[in-house]
Amino acid sequence: MQIEAYLNLNFDGNKLHALPGEKEDTLTRLQRKLKQCSPIPGLVEIHIVFGPLGGIAKARTNTIEELTNVVSEIGKIFPIKGCMTYIVQPLLHPGETANDSNFN
């Protein structure tokens, strides 16, 4: 069984926006941080919404704990102010039951 979830992330823009004269501009900084997200286990994709600086991510994990770990790992890279998690559904094949009692 796998859990598929979408994450609506709100970032602290003050920590991400580059100030005039800084060596790295905002877009370069965001691109670097996105590359750092690529090895996070369970993270399928992540997109940054430029402006208010938010993000939308898709995760696919086996447990709720692994899903929580995805958010924690993103938080080590991006300064998360808030996160709304939408669990789509456990991905079960015909005849398969959920190992997690939260879904039975």
N, C-alpha and C. Protein backbone atom coordinates (compact mmCIF):
# COMPACT_ATOMS: atom_id res chain seq x y z
N MET A 1 0.84 -1.17 0.00
CA MET A 1 0.00 0.00 0.00
C MET A 1 0.88 1.24 0.00
N GLN A 2 0.52 2.20 -0.77
CA GLN A 2 1.22 3.48 -0.76
C GLN A 2 0.22 4.60 -0.50
N ILE A 3 0.72 5.64 0.15
CA ILE A 3 -0.07 6.82 0.44
C ILE A 3 0.38 7.91 -0.51
N GLU A 4 -0.56 8.50 -1.21
CA GLU A 4 -0.24 9.61 -2.11
C GLU A 4 -0.78 10.88 -1.48
N ALA A 5 0.06 11.90 -1.42
CA ALA A 5 -0.35 13.15 -0.78
C ALA A 5 0.19 14.34 -1.55
N TYR A 6 -0.57 15.43 -1.47
CA TYR A 6 -0.14 16.70 -2.03
C TYR A 6 0.12 17.65 -0.87
N LEU A 7 1.20 18.39 -0.95
CA LEU A 7 1.61 19.30 0.11
C LEU A 7 1.52 20.73 -0.40
N ASN A 8 0.78 21.55 0.31
CA ASN A 8 0.70 22.97 0.00
C ASN A 8 1.61 23.67 1.00
N LEU A 9 2.75 24.15 0.53
CA LEU A 9 3.79 24.68 1.40
C LEU A 9 3.83 26.20 1.34
N ASN A 10 3.97 26.83 2.50
CA ASN A 10 4.17 28.28 2.58
C ASN A 10 5.57 28.51 3.15
N PHE A 11 6.36 29.29 2.43
CA PHE A 11 7.74 29.54 2.83
C PHE A 11 7.90 30.94 3.40
N ASP A 12 8.93 31.13 4.20
CA ASP A 12 9.29 32.44 4.71
C ASP A 12 10.08 33.16 3.62
N GLY A 13 9.41 34.02 2.91
CA GLY A 13 10.03 34.72 1.78
C GLY A 13 11.20 35.59 2.18
N ASN A 14 11.20 36.12 3.40
CA ASN A 14 12.31 36.96 3.85
C ASN A 14 13.63 36.20 3.87
N LYS A 15 13.56 34.90 4.07
CA LYS A 15 14.78 34.08 4.12
C LYS A 15 15.17 33.56 2.74
N LEU A 16 14.26 33.67 1.78
CA LEU A 16 14.56 33.17 0.44
C LEU A 16 14.90 34.27 -0.57
N HIS A 17 14.28 35.43 -0.43
CA HIS A 17 14.56 36.52 -1.37
C HIS A 17 15.98 37.04 -1.16
N ALA A 18 16.68 37.21 -2.26
CA ALA A 18 18.03 37.77 -2.20
C ALA A 18 17.94 39.30 -2.10
N LEU A 19 18.85 39.86 -1.38
CA LEU A 19 18.91 41.31 -1.26
C LEU A 19 19.82 41.86 -2.35
N PRO A 20 19.61 43.10 -2.75
CA PRO A 20 20.50 43.70 -3.76
C PRO A 20 21.95 43.62 -3.30
N GLY A 21 22.81 43.21 -4.21
CA GLY A 21 24.23 43.12 -3.91
C GLY A 21 24.68 41.75 -3.41
N GLU A 22 23.74 40.87 -3.12
CA GLU A 22 24.13 39.53 -2.69
C GLU A 22 24.68 38.75 -3.88
N LYS A 23 25.57 37.84 -3.59
CA LYS A 23 26.23 37.07 -4.64
C LYS A 23 25.23 36.22 -5.44
N GLU A 24 24.23 35.65 -4.77
CA GLU A 24 23.26 34.75 -5.40
C GLU A 24 21.91 35.45 -5.49
N ASP A 25 21.31 35.48 -6.70
CA ASP A 25 19.99 36.08 -6.83
C ASP A 25 18.90 35.09 -6.40
N THR A 26 17.68 35.55 -6.30
CA THR A 26 16.58 34.73 -5.77
C THR A 26 16.33 33.50 -6.63
N LEU A 27 16.29 33.65 -7.95
CA LEU A 27 16.00 32.50 -8.81
C LEU A 27 17.10 31.44 -8.73
N THR A 28 18.34 31.88 -8.70
CA THR A 28 19.45 30.93 -8.57
C THR A 28 19.36 30.19 -7.24
N ARG A 29 19.03 30.93 -6.20
CA ARG A 29 18.89 30.33 -4.86
C ARG A 29 17.77 29.26 -4.87
N LEU A 30 16.63 29.59 -5.49
CA LEU A 30 15.52 28.64 -5.54
C LEU A 30 15.88 27.40 -6.36
N GLN A 31 16.57 27.59 -7.48
CA GLN A 31 16.99 26.45 -8.31
C GLN A 31 17.93 25.53 -7.54
N ARG A 32 18.86 26.11 -6.79
CA ARG A 32 19.80 25.31 -6.01
C ARG A 32 19.06 24.50 -4.95
N LYS A 33 18.11 25.13 -4.29
CA LYS A 33 17.35 24.44 -3.24
C LYS A 33 16.46 23.34 -3.83
N LEU A 34 15.91 23.59 -4.99
CA LEU A 34 15.10 22.55 -5.65
C LEU A 34 15.94 21.32 -5.97
N LYS A 35 17.17 21.54 -6.43
CA LYS A 35 18.07 20.42 -6.72
C LYS A 35 18.39 19.64 -5.45
N GLN A 36 18.50 20.34 -4.32
CA GLN A 36 18.77 19.68 -3.05
C GLN A 36 17.61 18.79 -2.62
N CYS A 37 16.41 19.07 -3.10
CA CYS A 37 15.23 18.28 -2.75
C CYS A 37 15.16 16.95 -3.51
N SER A 38 15.85 16.84 -4.62
CA SER A 38 15.71 15.67 -5.48
C SER A 38 15.99 14.32 -4.81
N PRO A 39 16.94 14.21 -3.86
CA PRO A 39 17.16 12.89 -3.27
C PRO A 39 16.23 12.54 -2.09
N ILE A 40 15.27 13.39 -1.77
CA ILE A 40 14.39 13.11 -0.63
C ILE A 40 13.52 11.89 -0.94
N PRO A 41 13.63 10.81 -0.15
CA PRO A 41 12.82 9.62 -0.40
C PRO A 41 11.33 9.92 -0.23
N GLY A 42 10.55 9.52 -1.20
CA GLY A 42 9.10 9.71 -1.14
C GLY A 42 8.61 10.97 -1.83
N LEU A 43 9.52 11.91 -2.11
CA LEU A 43 9.12 13.14 -2.80
C LEU A 43 9.09 12.86 -4.30
N VAL A 44 7.91 12.98 -4.89
CA VAL A 44 7.76 12.69 -6.32
C VAL A 44 8.07 13.93 -7.15
N GLU A 45 7.52 15.08 -6.74
CA GLU A 45 7.80 16.32 -7.45
C GLU A 45 7.53 17.50 -6.52
N ILE A 46 8.17 18.62 -6.84
CA ILE A 46 7.97 19.85 -6.08
C ILE A 46 8.08 21.02 -7.04
N HIS A 47 7.17 21.99 -6.87
CA HIS A 47 7.14 23.18 -7.71
C HIS A 47 7.06 24.41 -6.81
N ILE A 48 7.78 25.45 -7.19
CA ILE A 48 7.78 26.69 -6.43
C ILE A 48 6.85 27.68 -7.12
N VAL A 49 6.01 28.35 -6.33
CA VAL A 49 5.14 29.41 -6.83
C VAL A 49 5.82 30.72 -6.48
N PHE A 50 6.32 31.39 -7.50
CA PHE A 50 7.07 32.61 -7.27
C PHE A 50 6.11 33.76 -7.04
N GLY A 51 6.44 34.61 -6.15
CA GLY A 51 5.58 35.74 -5.76
C GLY A 51 5.47 35.66 -4.25
N PRO A 52 4.39 35.02 -3.77
CA PRO A 52 4.30 34.86 -2.31
C PRO A 52 5.26 33.79 -1.79
N LEU A 53 5.97 33.13 -2.68
CA LEU A 53 6.92 32.07 -2.37
C LEU A 53 6.27 30.94 -1.58
N GLY A 54 5.57 30.14 -2.31
CA GLY A 54 4.99 28.93 -1.77
C GLY A 54 5.42 27.78 -2.63
N GLY A 55 4.99 26.62 -2.28
CA GLY A 55 5.33 25.45 -3.06
C GLY A 55 4.22 24.43 -3.06
N ILE A 56 4.21 23.62 -4.08
CA ILE A 56 3.28 22.51 -4.18
C ILE A 56 4.13 21.27 -4.43
N ALA A 57 3.92 20.26 -3.61
CA ALA A 57 4.71 19.04 -3.74
C ALA A 57 3.79 17.83 -3.77
N LYS A 58 4.28 16.78 -4.38
CA LYS A 58 3.56 15.50 -4.42
C LYS A 58 4.48 14.47 -3.78
N ALA A 59 3.92 13.70 -2.86
CA ALA A 59 4.70 12.67 -2.18
C ALA A 59 3.98 11.33 -2.28
N ARG A 60 4.76 10.28 -2.30
CA ARG A 60 4.21 8.92 -2.33
C ARG A 60 5.04 8.09 -1.36
N THR A 61 4.42 7.66 -0.26
CA THR A 61 5.13 6.92 0.78
C THR A 61 4.33 5.70 1.21
N ASN A 62 4.94 4.88 2.04
CA ASN A 62 4.27 3.69 2.54
C ASN A 62 3.56 3.93 3.87
N THR A 63 4.01 4.92 4.64
CA THR A 63 3.42 5.18 5.95
C THR A 63 3.28 6.69 6.17
N ILE A 64 2.45 7.03 7.17
CA ILE A 64 2.29 8.43 7.54
C ILE A 64 3.62 8.98 8.09
N GLU A 65 4.37 8.15 8.79
CA GLU A 65 5.65 8.59 9.33
C GLU A 65 6.61 8.98 8.21
N GLU A 66 6.62 8.20 7.13
CA GLU A 66 7.48 8.53 5.99
C GLU A 66 7.02 9.83 5.33
N LEU A 67 5.72 10.05 5.30
CA LEU A 67 5.18 11.29 4.74
C LEU A 67 5.62 12.49 5.59
N THR A 68 5.57 12.32 6.91
CA THR A 68 6.04 13.36 7.82
C THR A 68 7.53 13.64 7.60
N ASN A 69 8.29 12.59 7.32
CA ASN A 69 9.71 12.75 7.05
C ASN A 69 9.96 13.56 5.78
N VAL A 70 9.12 13.38 4.77
CA VAL A 70 9.26 14.16 3.54
C VAL A 70 9.14 15.65 3.87
N VAL A 71 8.13 16.00 4.66
CA VAL A 71 7.93 17.41 5.03
C VAL A 71 9.12 17.91 5.85
N SER A 72 9.61 17.10 6.77
CA SER A 72 10.76 17.49 7.60
C SER A 72 12.00 17.74 6.74
N GLU A 73 12.23 16.87 5.76
CA GLU A 73 13.40 17.02 4.89
C GLU A 73 13.28 18.27 4.02
N ILE A 74 12.08 18.56 3.52
CA ILE A 74 11.88 19.80 2.76
C ILE A 74 12.16 20.98 3.66
N GLY A 75 11.73 20.88 4.93
CA GLY A 75 11.93 21.97 5.90
C GLY A 75 13.39 22.22 6.22
N LYS A 76 14.25 21.24 6.00
CA LYS A 76 15.69 21.45 6.21
C LYS A 76 16.29 22.28 5.07
N ILE A 77 15.59 22.31 3.94
CA ILE A 77 16.10 23.02 2.76
C ILE A 77 15.41 24.37 2.58
N PHE A 78 14.08 24.36 2.70
CA PHE A 78 13.28 25.58 2.56
C PHE A 78 12.72 25.97 3.93
N PRO A 79 12.67 27.27 4.25
CA PRO A 79 12.10 27.71 5.53
C PRO A 79 10.56 27.65 5.48
N ILE A 80 9.99 26.57 5.97
CA ILE A 80 8.54 26.37 5.91
C ILE A 80 7.86 27.15 7.03
N LYS A 81 6.88 27.98 6.65
CA LYS A 81 6.06 28.69 7.63
C LYS A 81 4.78 27.89 7.92
N GLY A 82 4.32 27.17 6.92
CA GLY A 82 3.09 26.39 7.08
C GLY A 82 3.00 25.31 6.02
N CYS A 83 2.28 24.26 6.34
CA CYS A 83 2.12 23.15 5.39
C CYS A 83 0.74 22.53 5.57
N MET A 84 0.00 22.45 4.49
CA MET A 84 -1.28 21.76 4.48
C MET A 84 -1.10 20.49 3.66
N THR A 85 -1.40 19.36 4.26
CA THR A 85 -1.20 18.07 3.60
C THR A 85 -2.56 17.50 3.19
N TYR A 86 -2.68 17.15 1.93
CA TYR A 86 -3.89 16.54 1.41
C TYR A 86 -3.57 15.10 1.04
N ILE A 87 -4.06 14.17 1.82
CA ILE A 87 -3.85 12.76 1.50
C ILE A 87 -4.94 12.36 0.51
N VAL A 88 -4.52 11.98 -0.68
CA VAL A 88 -5.47 11.65 -1.73
C VAL A 88 -6.19 10.36 -1.37
N GLN A 89 -5.45 9.31 -1.17
CA GLN A 89 -5.99 8.02 -0.75
C GLN A 89 -4.85 7.03 -0.69
N PRO A 90 -5.02 5.99 0.10
CA PRO A 90 -4.02 4.93 0.03
C PRO A 90 -4.17 4.25 -1.33
N LEU A 91 -3.06 3.94 -1.95
CA LEU A 91 -3.11 3.28 -3.25
C LEU A 91 -3.15 1.77 -3.03
N LEU A 92 -4.33 1.22 -3.10
CA LEU A 92 -4.51 -0.22 -2.89
C LEU A 92 -4.90 -0.88 -4.20
N HIS A 93 -4.34 -2.04 -4.42
CA HIS A 93 -4.72 -2.84 -5.58
C HIS A 93 -5.87 -3.75 -5.18
N PRO A 94 -6.66 -4.26 -6.11
CA PRO A 94 -7.79 -5.13 -5.78
C PRO A 94 -7.35 -6.29 -4.87
N GLY A 95 -8.08 -6.46 -3.77
CA GLY A 95 -7.78 -7.54 -2.83
C GLY A 95 -6.76 -7.19 -1.78
N GLU A 96 -6.08 -6.05 -1.91
CA GLU A 96 -5.06 -5.63 -0.96
C GLU A 96 -5.70 -4.85 0.18
N THR A 97 -5.22 -5.02 1.40
CA THR A 97 -5.71 -4.25 2.54
C THR A 97 -4.59 -3.38 3.09
N ALA A 98 -4.97 -2.32 3.76
CA ALA A 98 -3.99 -1.38 4.31
C ALA A 98 -3.35 -1.96 5.56
N ASN A 99 -2.02 -1.80 5.67
CA ASN A 99 -1.31 -2.23 6.87
C ASN A 99 -1.53 -1.23 8.00
N ASP A 100 -1.82 -0.01 7.65
CA ASP A 100 -2.02 1.06 8.62
C ASP A 100 -3.48 1.06 9.06
N SER A 101 -3.74 0.91 10.34
CA SER A 101 -5.10 0.83 10.85
C SER A 101 -5.90 2.11 10.61
N ASN A 102 -5.22 3.23 10.35
CA ASN A 102 -5.93 4.48 10.05
C ASN A 102 -6.73 4.41 8.76
N PHE A 103 -6.41 3.45 7.90
CA PHE A 103 -7.06 3.37 6.61
C PHE A 103 -7.97 2.17 6.48
N ASN A 104 -8.14 1.37 7.51
CA ASN A 104 -9.03 0.19 7.45
C ASN A 104 -10.39 0.52 8.03
